[in-house]
Amino acid sequence: MLTPAAHIHHTTDEHGIVLLDIRTEKWAMLGPDASRIWQAIVVNGITAGLADQLAIPTGRDPHAVLQGIDHLVDRWKRDGILIDPTRTPRRRWWRR
């Protein structure tokens, strides 16, 4: 289950979805496909079935689209834009 991080604000305009990272004060404008990926995550917490919805109407390879979705979601998680609230944080062990 994925959700936007607390420091990420998003809104929809006529061109797609706009993200604001209030920590870095950076804006990002998502294109049509990225907007659909973002919307699926915000609404459902997952992107299951989205590759077929994006690929089939345009004649693209669903497997390639799925790889693109996974790559984008991984980048968003790595950048701290998306988090998994069900995952427990790693414990830090300190040496004395």
N, C-alpha and C. Protein backbone atom coordinates (compact mmCIF):
# COMPACT_ATOMS: atom_id res chain seq x y z
N MET A 1 0.85 -1.17 0.00
CA MET A 1 0.00 0.00 0.00
C MET A 1 0.90 1.23 0.00
N LEU A 2 0.72 2.09 -0.95
CA LEU A 2 1.51 3.31 -1.07
C LEU A 2 0.64 4.53 -0.84
N THR A 3 1.26 5.59 -0.37
CA THR A 3 0.57 6.85 -0.15
C THR A 3 1.58 7.99 -0.33
N PRO A 4 1.13 9.17 -0.73
CA PRO A 4 2.06 10.30 -0.80
C PRO A 4 2.63 10.63 0.58
N ALA A 5 3.88 11.02 0.61
CA ALA A 5 4.52 11.43 1.86
C ALA A 5 3.83 12.69 2.38
N ALA A 6 3.94 12.93 3.66
CA ALA A 6 3.26 14.07 4.29
C ALA A 6 3.73 15.41 3.74
N HIS A 7 4.96 15.49 3.26
CA HIS A 7 5.48 16.76 2.74
C HIS A 7 5.18 16.97 1.25
N ILE A 8 4.40 16.08 0.67
CA ILE A 8 4.03 16.20 -0.75
C ILE A 8 2.57 16.63 -0.84
N HIS A 9 2.35 17.73 -1.52
CA HIS A 9 0.99 18.22 -1.78
C HIS A 9 0.74 18.08 -3.27
N HIS A 10 -0.50 17.76 -3.64
CA HIS A 10 -0.81 17.57 -5.05
C HIS A 10 -2.18 18.14 -5.37
N THR A 11 -2.32 18.55 -6.60
CA THR A 11 -3.59 19.06 -7.09
C THR A 11 -3.70 18.74 -8.57
N THR A 12 -4.90 18.79 -9.07
CA THR A 12 -5.15 18.52 -10.47
C THR A 12 -5.52 19.81 -11.17
N ASP A 13 -4.94 20.01 -12.35
CA ASP A 13 -5.35 21.14 -13.18
C ASP A 13 -5.71 20.61 -14.56
N GLU A 14 -5.93 21.50 -15.51
CA GLU A 14 -6.38 21.07 -16.83
C GLU A 14 -5.33 20.29 -17.62
N HIS A 15 -4.08 20.31 -17.18
CA HIS A 15 -3.01 19.62 -17.90
C HIS A 15 -2.58 18.32 -17.25
N GLY A 16 -2.97 18.09 -16.01
CA GLY A 16 -2.57 16.89 -15.29
C GLY A 16 -2.49 17.16 -13.81
N ILE A 17 -1.56 16.49 -13.16
CA ILE A 17 -1.39 16.64 -11.72
C ILE A 17 -0.11 17.40 -11.44
N VAL A 18 -0.20 18.30 -10.48
CA VAL A 18 0.94 19.11 -10.06
C VAL A 18 1.32 18.68 -8.64
N LEU A 19 2.61 18.41 -8.43
CA LEU A 19 3.11 18.04 -7.11
C LEU A 19 3.95 19.17 -6.55
N LEU A 20 3.85 19.38 -5.25
CA LEU A 20 4.70 20.34 -4.55
C LEU A 20 5.34 19.63 -3.38
N ASP A 21 6.67 19.65 -3.36
CA ASP A 21 7.42 19.12 -2.23
C ASP A 21 7.73 20.31 -1.33
N ILE A 22 7.06 20.39 -0.19
CA ILE A 22 7.23 21.57 0.67
C ILE A 22 8.58 21.57 1.38
N ARG A 23 9.27 20.45 1.43
CA ARG A 23 10.61 20.44 2.02
C ARG A 23 11.63 21.11 1.11
N THR A 24 11.57 20.76 -0.18
CA THR A 24 12.54 21.30 -1.13
C THR A 24 12.00 22.51 -1.88
N GLU A 25 10.71 22.79 -1.72
CA GLU A 25 10.04 23.89 -2.43
C GLU A 25 10.13 23.72 -3.95
N LYS A 26 10.02 22.47 -4.41
CA LYS A 26 10.07 22.17 -5.85
C LYS A 26 8.71 21.70 -6.33
N TRP A 27 8.36 22.16 -7.54
CA TRP A 27 7.13 21.77 -8.20
C TRP A 27 7.45 20.71 -9.24
N ALA A 28 6.49 19.84 -9.52
CA ALA A 28 6.61 18.88 -10.60
C ALA A 28 5.26 18.76 -11.29
N MET A 29 5.28 18.83 -12.60
CA MET A 29 4.07 18.68 -13.39
C MET A 29 4.09 17.29 -14.01
N LEU A 30 3.09 16.49 -13.74
CA LEU A 30 3.03 15.13 -14.27
C LEU A 30 2.27 15.12 -15.59
N GLY A 31 2.79 14.37 -16.55
CA GLY A 31 2.12 14.20 -17.83
C GLY A 31 0.91 13.28 -17.69
N PRO A 32 0.24 12.99 -18.80
CA PRO A 32 -1.00 12.19 -18.73
C PRO A 32 -0.81 10.81 -18.10
N ASP A 33 0.19 10.04 -18.56
CA ASP A 33 0.39 8.70 -18.02
C ASP A 33 0.83 8.75 -16.56
N ALA A 34 1.77 9.62 -16.24
CA ALA A 34 2.23 9.75 -14.85
C ALA A 34 1.08 10.22 -13.95
N SER A 35 0.22 11.07 -14.46
CA SER A 35 -0.94 11.52 -13.69
C SER A 35 -1.87 10.36 -13.37
N ARG A 36 -2.06 9.47 -14.33
CA ARG A 36 -2.93 8.30 -14.09
C ARG A 36 -2.30 7.36 -13.07
N ILE A 37 -0.97 7.23 -13.13
CA ILE A 37 -0.27 6.39 -12.15
C ILE A 37 -0.43 7.00 -10.76
N TRP A 38 -0.19 8.30 -10.66
CA TRP A 38 -0.33 9.00 -9.37
C TRP A 38 -1.75 8.84 -8.83
N GLN A 39 -2.74 9.06 -9.68
CA GLN A 39 -4.14 8.98 -9.26
C GLN A 39 -4.48 7.57 -8.77
N ALA A 40 -3.98 6.55 -9.45
CA ALA A 40 -4.23 5.17 -9.02
C ALA A 40 -3.64 4.92 -7.64
N ILE A 41 -2.46 5.46 -7.39
CA ILE A 41 -1.82 5.27 -6.08
C ILE A 41 -2.59 6.03 -5.00
N VAL A 42 -2.99 7.25 -5.28
CA VAL A 42 -3.71 8.06 -4.28
C VAL A 42 -5.07 7.43 -3.96
N VAL A 43 -5.76 6.94 -4.96
CA VAL A 43 -7.10 6.38 -4.75
C VAL A 43 -7.04 4.96 -4.19
N ASN A 44 -6.19 4.10 -4.80
CA ASN A 44 -6.19 2.68 -4.46
C ASN A 44 -5.00 2.23 -3.62
N GLY A 45 -3.91 2.99 -3.65
CA GLY A 45 -2.70 2.59 -2.95
C GLY A 45 -1.84 1.63 -3.73
N ILE A 46 -2.31 1.20 -4.90
CA ILE A 46 -1.57 0.26 -5.75
C ILE A 46 -1.78 0.63 -7.22
N THR A 47 -0.99 0.01 -8.08
CA THR A 47 -1.11 0.26 -9.52
C THR A 47 -1.54 -1.00 -10.27
N ALA A 48 -2.10 -1.97 -9.58
CA ALA A 48 -2.52 -3.23 -10.21
C ALA A 48 -3.50 -2.97 -11.35
N GLY A 49 -3.22 -3.58 -12.50
CA GLY A 49 -4.10 -3.47 -13.66
C GLY A 49 -3.93 -2.21 -14.47
N LEU A 50 -3.15 -1.27 -13.98
CA LEU A 50 -2.99 0.01 -14.67
C LEU A 50 -2.21 -0.12 -15.98
N ALA A 51 -1.26 -1.04 -16.03
CA ALA A 51 -0.45 -1.22 -17.24
C ALA A 51 -1.34 -1.57 -18.43
N ASP A 52 -2.30 -2.46 -18.24
CA ASP A 52 -3.21 -2.83 -19.32
C ASP A 52 -4.09 -1.65 -19.72
N GLN A 53 -4.56 -0.88 -18.75
CA GLN A 53 -5.40 0.28 -19.04
C GLN A 53 -4.66 1.33 -19.86
N LEU A 54 -3.36 1.48 -19.62
CA LEU A 54 -2.57 2.46 -20.36
C LEU A 54 -2.10 1.92 -21.70
N ALA A 55 -1.79 0.63 -21.75
CA ALA A 55 -1.16 0.06 -22.95
C ALA A 55 -2.15 -0.33 -24.04
N ILE A 56 -3.20 -1.01 -23.70
CA ILE A 56 -4.09 -1.59 -24.70
C ILE A 56 -4.72 -0.56 -25.63
N PRO A 57 -5.27 0.56 -25.13
CA PRO A 57 -5.88 1.53 -26.06
C PRO A 57 -4.88 2.17 -27.04
N THR A 58 -3.61 2.21 -26.64
CA THR A 58 -2.61 2.87 -27.50
C THR A 58 -1.77 1.88 -28.28
N GLY A 59 -1.99 0.58 -28.10
CA GLY A 59 -1.25 -0.43 -28.84
C GLY A 59 0.16 -0.68 -28.32
N ARG A 60 0.45 -0.22 -27.12
CA ARG A 60 1.78 -0.45 -26.55
C ARG A 60 1.83 -1.83 -25.89
N ASP A 61 3.05 -2.29 -25.65
CA ASP A 61 3.27 -3.58 -24.99
C ASP A 61 2.99 -3.43 -23.50
N PRO A 62 2.01 -4.18 -22.95
CA PRO A 62 1.68 -4.06 -21.53
C PRO A 62 2.86 -4.37 -20.61
N HIS A 63 3.72 -5.30 -21.00
CA HIS A 63 4.87 -5.62 -20.16
C HIS A 63 5.84 -4.44 -20.08
N ALA A 64 6.07 -3.79 -21.21
CA ALA A 64 6.96 -2.63 -21.22
C ALA A 64 6.36 -1.48 -20.40
N VAL A 65 5.06 -1.30 -20.50
CA VAL A 65 4.39 -0.25 -19.72
C VAL A 65 4.47 -0.57 -18.24
N LEU A 66 4.29 -1.84 -17.88
CA LEU A 66 4.41 -2.24 -16.48
C LEU A 66 5.81 -1.97 -15.94
N GLN A 67 6.83 -2.24 -16.74
CA GLN A 67 8.20 -1.94 -16.31
C GLN A 67 8.39 -0.44 -16.10
N GLY A 68 7.81 0.37 -16.99
CA GLY A 68 7.89 1.82 -16.85
C GLY A 68 7.19 2.30 -15.59
N ILE A 69 6.03 1.74 -15.29
CA ILE A 69 5.29 2.09 -14.07
C ILE A 69 6.12 1.73 -12.84
N ASP A 70 6.65 0.51 -12.84
CA ASP A 70 7.45 0.07 -11.69
C ASP A 70 8.68 0.95 -11.49
N HIS A 71 9.32 1.33 -12.59
CA HIS A 71 10.50 2.20 -12.51
C HIS A 71 10.12 3.56 -11.92
N LEU A 72 9.02 4.14 -12.39
CA LEU A 72 8.59 5.44 -11.90
C LEU A 72 8.21 5.38 -10.42
N VAL A 73 7.47 4.36 -10.02
CA VAL A 73 7.06 4.21 -8.62
C VAL A 73 8.29 4.00 -7.73
N ASP A 74 9.24 3.20 -8.20
CA ASP A 74 10.49 3.01 -7.43
C ASP A 74 11.24 4.32 -7.27
N ARG A 75 11.29 5.13 -8.33
CA ARG A 75 11.96 6.43 -8.23
C ARG A 75 11.25 7.34 -7.25
N TRP A 76 9.92 7.36 -7.28
CA TRP A 76 9.16 8.17 -6.34
C TRP A 76 9.40 7.72 -4.91
N LYS A 77 9.49 6.40 -4.69
CA LYS A 77 9.77 5.90 -3.34
C LYS A 77 11.19 6.28 -2.92
N ARG A 78 12.14 6.12 -3.80
CA ARG A 78 13.53 6.47 -3.51
C ARG A 78 13.69 7.96 -3.19
N ASP A 79 12.93 8.80 -3.90
CA ASP A 79 12.99 10.25 -3.71
C ASP A 79 12.15 10.72 -2.51
N GLY A 80 11.45 9.79 -1.87
CA GLY A 80 10.65 10.15 -0.69
C GLY A 80 9.31 10.76 -1.01
N ILE A 81 8.88 10.66 -2.26
CA ILE A 81 7.58 11.21 -2.66
C ILE A 81 6.46 10.28 -2.24
N LEU A 82 6.69 8.98 -2.36
CA LEU A 82 5.74 7.98 -1.92
C LEU A 82 6.32 7.21 -0.75
N ILE A 83 5.44 6.80 0.15
CA ILE A 83 5.86 5.97 1.28
C ILE A 83 4.90 4.80 1.42
N ASP A 84 5.34 3.79 2.12
CA ASP A 84 4.49 2.65 2.44
C ASP A 84 4.22 2.69 3.94
N PRO A 85 3.06 3.21 4.35
CA PRO A 85 2.79 3.36 5.78
C PRO A 85 2.64 2.05 6.53
N THR A 86 2.44 0.94 5.82
CA THR A 86 2.29 -0.35 6.48
C THR A 86 3.64 -0.98 6.79
N ARG A 87 4.69 -0.47 6.20
CA ARG A 87 6.02 -1.02 6.41
C ARG A 87 6.61 -0.42 7.68
N THR A 88 7.12 -1.26 8.53
CA THR A 88 7.72 -0.77 9.77
C THR A 88 9.11 -0.22 9.47
N PRO A 89 9.46 0.88 10.09
CA PRO A 89 10.79 1.45 9.84
C PRO A 89 11.89 0.52 10.36
N ARG A 90 13.03 0.59 9.69
CA ARG A 90 14.16 -0.23 10.13
C ARG A 90 14.65 0.27 11.48
N ARG A 91 15.02 -0.64 12.32
CA ARG A 91 15.60 -0.26 13.61
C ARG A 91 17.05 0.09 13.41
N ARG A 92 17.48 1.09 14.06
CA ARG A 92 18.88 1.49 14.00
C ARG A 92 19.59 0.95 15.24
N TRP A 93 20.68 0.32 15.02
CA TRP A 93 21.49 -0.19 16.11
C TRP A 93 22.70 0.71 16.25
N TRP A 94 22.86 1.22 17.42
CA TRP A 94 23.98 2.12 17.68
C TRP A 94 25.05 1.37 18.45
N ARG A 95 26.26 1.60 18.04
CA ARG A 95 27.40 1.02 18.77
C ARG A 95 27.87 2.01 19.81
N ARG A 96 28.28 1.51 20.90
CA ARG A 96 28.79 2.38 21.97
C ARG A 96 30.28 2.30 22.04
